[in-house]
Amino acid sequence: MVWTSSLTDCIPKINEPFESYSSMKSVEELLEEVKKKFPRQGIRIEELYEQDSDFRSLCRDYFTCLQTLKKYKRLSDEEQQAVTDYQSALGDLENELRDFIFP
């Protein structure tokens, strides 16, 4: 996946501690968002989150992208390009999540 520079600037770096993400209130909230997308895969999602650091990073990126997209949807027309970028990134992240969940 190729991130645009503006999107890369908005998504927290992978090596930052989880607690530094101001929009992520808890691991449970993050996991609930992923489970909403893949509702029949809750146990698999939890197992992957516990066992795979790449999957945890992907979940964090997905959650951050989803939260940022929700914020941008409330902004003016000037911000619509950012919304389009985040929608595209969200689709890419969902595909990567799907690849982990359904190997």
Protein backbone atom coordinates (compact mmCIF):
# COMPACT_ATOMS: atom_id res chain seq x y z
CA MET A 1 0.00 0.00 0.00
CA VAL A 2 1.24 3.51 -0.77
CA TRP A 3 0.41 6.25 1.69
CA THR A 4 0.18 9.85 0.57
CA SER A 5 2.53 12.16 2.42
CA SER A 6 -0.36 13.98 4.10
CA LEU A 7 -1.85 10.68 5.27
CA THR A 8 1.52 9.45 6.52
CA ASP A 9 1.90 12.62 8.58
CA CYS A 10 -1.46 12.03 10.26
CA ILE A 11 -1.05 8.36 11.12
CA PRO A 12 1.05 7.72 14.22
CA LYS A 13 4.36 5.97 13.73
CA ILE A 14 4.37 2.27 14.50
CA ASN A 15 7.06 2.56 17.19
CA GLU A 16 5.10 5.09 19.26
CA PRO A 17 3.61 3.62 22.42
CA PHE A 18 -0.09 2.74 22.17
CA GLU A 19 -0.95 5.13 25.00
CA SER A 20 0.25 8.09 22.92
CA TYR A 21 -2.68 7.80 20.50
CA SER A 22 -5.08 10.39 21.85
CA SER A 23 -8.01 9.04 19.79
CA MET A 24 -7.55 5.47 21.06
CA LYS A 25 -9.19 5.19 24.44
CA SER A 26 -8.50 1.50 24.86
CA VAL A 27 -7.51 -1.69 23.16
CA GLU A 28 -11.11 -2.84 23.54
CA GLU A 29 -12.38 0.14 21.57
CA LEU A 30 -9.84 -0.54 18.84
CA LEU A 31 -10.76 -4.23 18.67
CA GLU A 32 -14.48 -3.45 18.62
CA GLU A 33 -13.99 -1.30 15.51
CA VAL A 34 -12.13 -4.12 13.74
CA LYS A 35 -14.78 -6.63 14.86
CA LYS A 36 -17.52 -4.38 13.45
CA LYS A 37 -15.89 -4.74 10.06
CA PHE A 38 -15.43 -8.51 10.46
CA PRO A 39 -18.24 -9.43 12.87
CA ARG A 40 -17.96 -13.21 12.59
CA GLN A 41 -14.21 -13.23 13.23
CA GLY A 42 -14.02 -11.87 16.79
CA ILE A 43 -12.01 -14.73 18.26
CA ARG A 44 -9.57 -14.78 15.33
CA ILE A 45 -9.10 -11.00 15.62
CA GLU A 46 -8.37 -11.26 19.35
CA GLU A 47 -5.91 -14.13 18.79
CA LEU A 48 -4.08 -12.27 16.03
CA TYR A 49 -3.97 -9.10 18.14
CA GLU A 50 -2.37 -10.98 21.02
CA GLN A 51 0.10 -12.94 18.89
CA ASP A 52 1.14 -10.76 15.96
CA SER A 53 2.78 -7.35 16.29
CA ASP A 54 2.21 -6.60 12.59
CA PHE A 55 -1.51 -7.23 13.05
CA ARG A 56 -1.56 -4.97 16.14
CA SER A 57 0.10 -2.21 14.13
CA LEU A 58 -2.34 -2.71 11.30
CA CYS A 59 -5.28 -2.52 13.73
CA ARG A 60 -3.91 0.71 15.20
CA ASP A 61 -3.50 2.22 11.74
CA TYR A 62 -7.02 1.11 10.79
CA PHE A 63 -8.49 2.61 13.95
CA THR A 64 -6.60 5.88 13.49
CA CYS A 65 -7.66 6.10 9.86
CA LEU A 66 -11.29 5.38 10.74
CA GLN A 67 -11.36 8.00 13.50
CA THR A 68 -9.66 10.61 11.31
CA LEU A 69 -12.07 9.90 8.46
CA LYS A 70 -15.02 10.45 10.80
CA LYS A 71 -13.50 13.80 11.80
CA TYR A 72 -12.89 14.86 8.20
CA LYS A 73 -16.44 14.01 7.16
CA ARG A 74 -17.59 16.86 9.39
CA LEU A 75 -15.30 19.42 7.76
CA SER A 76 -15.86 21.81 4.87
CA ASP A 77 -15.67 21.08 1.16
CA GLU A 78 -12.02 22.17 1.17
CA GLU A 79 -11.21 19.04 3.16
CA GLN A 80 -12.91 16.64 0.74
CA GLN A 81 -9.60 15.56 -0.82
CA ALA A 82 -8.42 14.46 2.61
CA VAL A 83 -11.66 12.52 3.04
CA THR A 84 -11.09 10.80 -0.31
CA ASP A 85 -7.51 9.93 0.69
CA TYR A 86 -8.64 8.46 3.99
CA GLN A 87 -11.45 6.49 2.37
CA SER A 88 -8.94 4.97 -0.02
CA ALA A 89 -6.52 4.22 2.82
CA LEU A 90 -9.31 2.69 4.87
CA GLY A 91 -10.16 0.33 2.03
CA ASP A 92 -6.51 -0.66 1.71
CA LEU A 93 -6.26 -1.28 5.47
CA GLU A 94 -9.45 -3.34 5.43
CA ASN A 95 -7.95 -5.49 2.66
CA GLU A 96 -4.79 -6.02 4.71
CA LEU A 97 -6.87 -6.92 7.77
CA ARG A 98 -8.82 -9.40 5.63
CA ASP A 99 -5.54 -10.98 4.49
CA PHE A 100 -4.52 -11.57 8.11
CA ILE A 101 -7.92 -12.82 9.25
CA PHE A 102 -8.52 -15.09 6.26
CA PRO A 103 -5.04 -16.50 5.44
